[in-house]
Amino acid sequence: MKKGDILESDSSISFHKMGVPALVSPMVLRSHNLGQIDIAFLERRTDKTWVLNIIETKSSHYPSVHQMKRLRKTQDYLSRVLEMPAKLEVKFCQKVDPTLSF
């Protein structure tokens, strides 16, 4: 298993506990020329509304300008389709560690 896959797997466990996990088909995103996402979950706010949280996990380098543009387009697309606000965050970790916490 690649380092990035382990990071994504470990961090998804933590993030998915924060809300309702959301699966987004890579085929749908690719068909619209959008960036694929690592982790997504729905979070209920105190005012009883929902927000989609999109997390891009990185183990060593920053996302390229091109990748960030595609991810922002993904954020916009999912927000419009789901008719709710969406937040995009990039989370970094220097090395893979089973005790990883964000």
Protein backbone atom coordinates (compact mmCIF):
# COMPACT_ATOMS: atom_id res chain seq x y z
CA MET A 1 0.00 0.00 0.00
CA LYS A 2 1.34 3.43 -0.93
CA LYS A 3 2.15 6.02 1.72
CA GLY A 4 -0.62 8.38 0.48
CA ASP A 5 -3.20 5.58 0.53
CA ILE A 6 -2.33 4.74 4.14
CA LEU A 7 -2.58 8.42 5.13
CA GLU A 8 -5.96 8.73 3.42
CA SER A 9 -7.26 5.54 5.02
CA ASP A 10 -6.12 6.50 8.52
CA SER A 11 -7.39 10.06 8.31
CA SER A 12 -10.74 9.06 6.80
CA ILE A 13 -11.53 7.11 9.97
CA SER A 14 -11.07 10.28 12.05
CA PHE A 15 -12.94 12.58 9.70
CA HIS A 16 -15.88 10.26 9.11
CA LYS A 17 -16.54 10.22 12.86
CA MET A 18 -17.23 13.98 12.59
CA GLY A 19 -20.33 13.54 10.45
CA VAL A 20 -22.07 11.38 7.88
CA PRO A 21 -19.58 9.88 5.40
CA ALA A 22 -20.26 10.85 1.79
CA LEU A 23 -19.11 8.80 -1.17
CA VAL A 24 -18.65 10.65 -4.44
CA SER A 25 -18.14 8.62 -7.59
CA PRO A 26 -14.80 9.35 -9.29
CA MET A 27 -16.49 8.48 -12.60
CA VAL A 28 -19.03 11.28 -12.13
CA LEU A 29 -16.31 13.76 -11.25
CA ARG A 30 -14.12 12.67 -14.18
CA SER A 31 -17.07 12.94 -16.59
CA HIS A 32 -17.34 16.64 -15.64
CA ASN A 33 -13.54 17.13 -15.75
CA LEU A 34 -13.46 17.76 -11.99
CA GLY A 35 -10.90 16.85 -9.36
CA GLN A 36 -11.35 13.62 -7.44
CA ILE A 37 -11.65 13.93 -3.70
CA ASP A 38 -10.03 11.95 -0.89
CA ILE A 39 -12.58 12.33 1.91
CA ALA A 40 -16.04 13.85 2.17
CA PHE A 41 -18.58 13.97 4.96
CA LEU A 42 -21.75 15.84 5.82
CA GLU A 43 -21.72 17.81 9.04
CA ARG A 44 -24.82 19.11 10.80
CA ARG A 45 -24.42 22.65 12.05
CA THR A 46 -25.90 24.00 15.26
CA ASP A 47 -28.55 25.84 13.21
CA LYS A 48 -29.75 22.42 11.89
CA THR A 49 -28.37 23.00 8.37
CA TRP A 50 -25.85 20.74 6.66
CA VAL A 51 -22.45 21.46 5.14
CA LEU A 52 -20.37 19.16 2.93
CA ASN A 53 -16.75 18.95 4.09
CA ILE A 54 -14.26 17.95 1.40
CA ILE A 55 -10.80 16.97 2.61
CA GLU A 56 -7.71 16.58 0.42
CA THR A 57 -4.96 14.71 2.29
CA LYS A 58 -1.31 15.29 1.44
CA SER A 59 1.68 13.41 2.80
CA SER A 60 4.57 15.37 1.34
CA HIS A 61 3.90 18.12 -1.19
CA TYR A 62 1.42 20.89 -1.70
CA PRO A 63 -1.33 20.44 -4.27
CA SER A 64 -0.52 22.04 -7.60
CA VAL A 65 -2.36 25.13 -8.77
CA HIS A 66 -4.05 22.96 -11.40
CA GLN A 67 -5.17 20.41 -8.79
CA MET A 68 -6.56 23.13 -6.53
CA LYS A 69 -8.53 24.63 -9.43
CA ARG A 70 -10.07 21.24 -10.16
CA LEU A 71 -10.87 20.67 -6.48
CA ARG A 72 -12.53 24.09 -6.22
CA LYS A 73 -14.62 23.22 -9.28
CA THR A 74 -15.55 19.96 -7.55
CA GLN A 75 -16.53 21.90 -4.43
CA ASP A 76 -18.73 24.24 -6.48
CA TYR A 77 -20.33 21.39 -8.44
CA LEU A 78 -21.18 19.32 -5.33
CA SER A 79 -22.51 22.38 -3.53
CA ARG A 80 -24.87 23.11 -6.41
CA VAL A 81 -25.97 19.47 -6.85
CA LEU A 82 -26.59 18.95 -3.13
CA GLU A 83 -27.96 22.46 -2.63
CA MET A 84 -25.81 23.06 0.44
CA PRO A 85 -22.59 24.87 1.27
CA ALA A 86 -19.33 22.96 0.85
CA LYS A 87 -15.95 23.52 2.50
CA LEU A 88 -12.65 22.42 0.98
CA GLU A 89 -9.64 21.80 3.21
CA VAL A 90 -6.16 20.47 2.57
CA LYS A 91 -4.64 18.51 5.46
CA PHE A 92 -0.93 17.78 5.63
CA CYS A 93 1.08 15.15 7.48
CA GLN A 94 4.88 14.83 7.31
CA LYS A 95 4.90 11.06 7.69
CA VAL A 96 2.42 8.25 7.99
CA ASP A 97 1.77 7.39 11.58
CA PRO A 98 -1.01 5.15 12.97
CA THR A 99 -1.57 7.68 15.76
CA LEU A 100 -2.22 10.40 13.18
CA SER A 101 -4.67 12.99 14.41
CA PHE A 102 -5.87 16.23 12.88
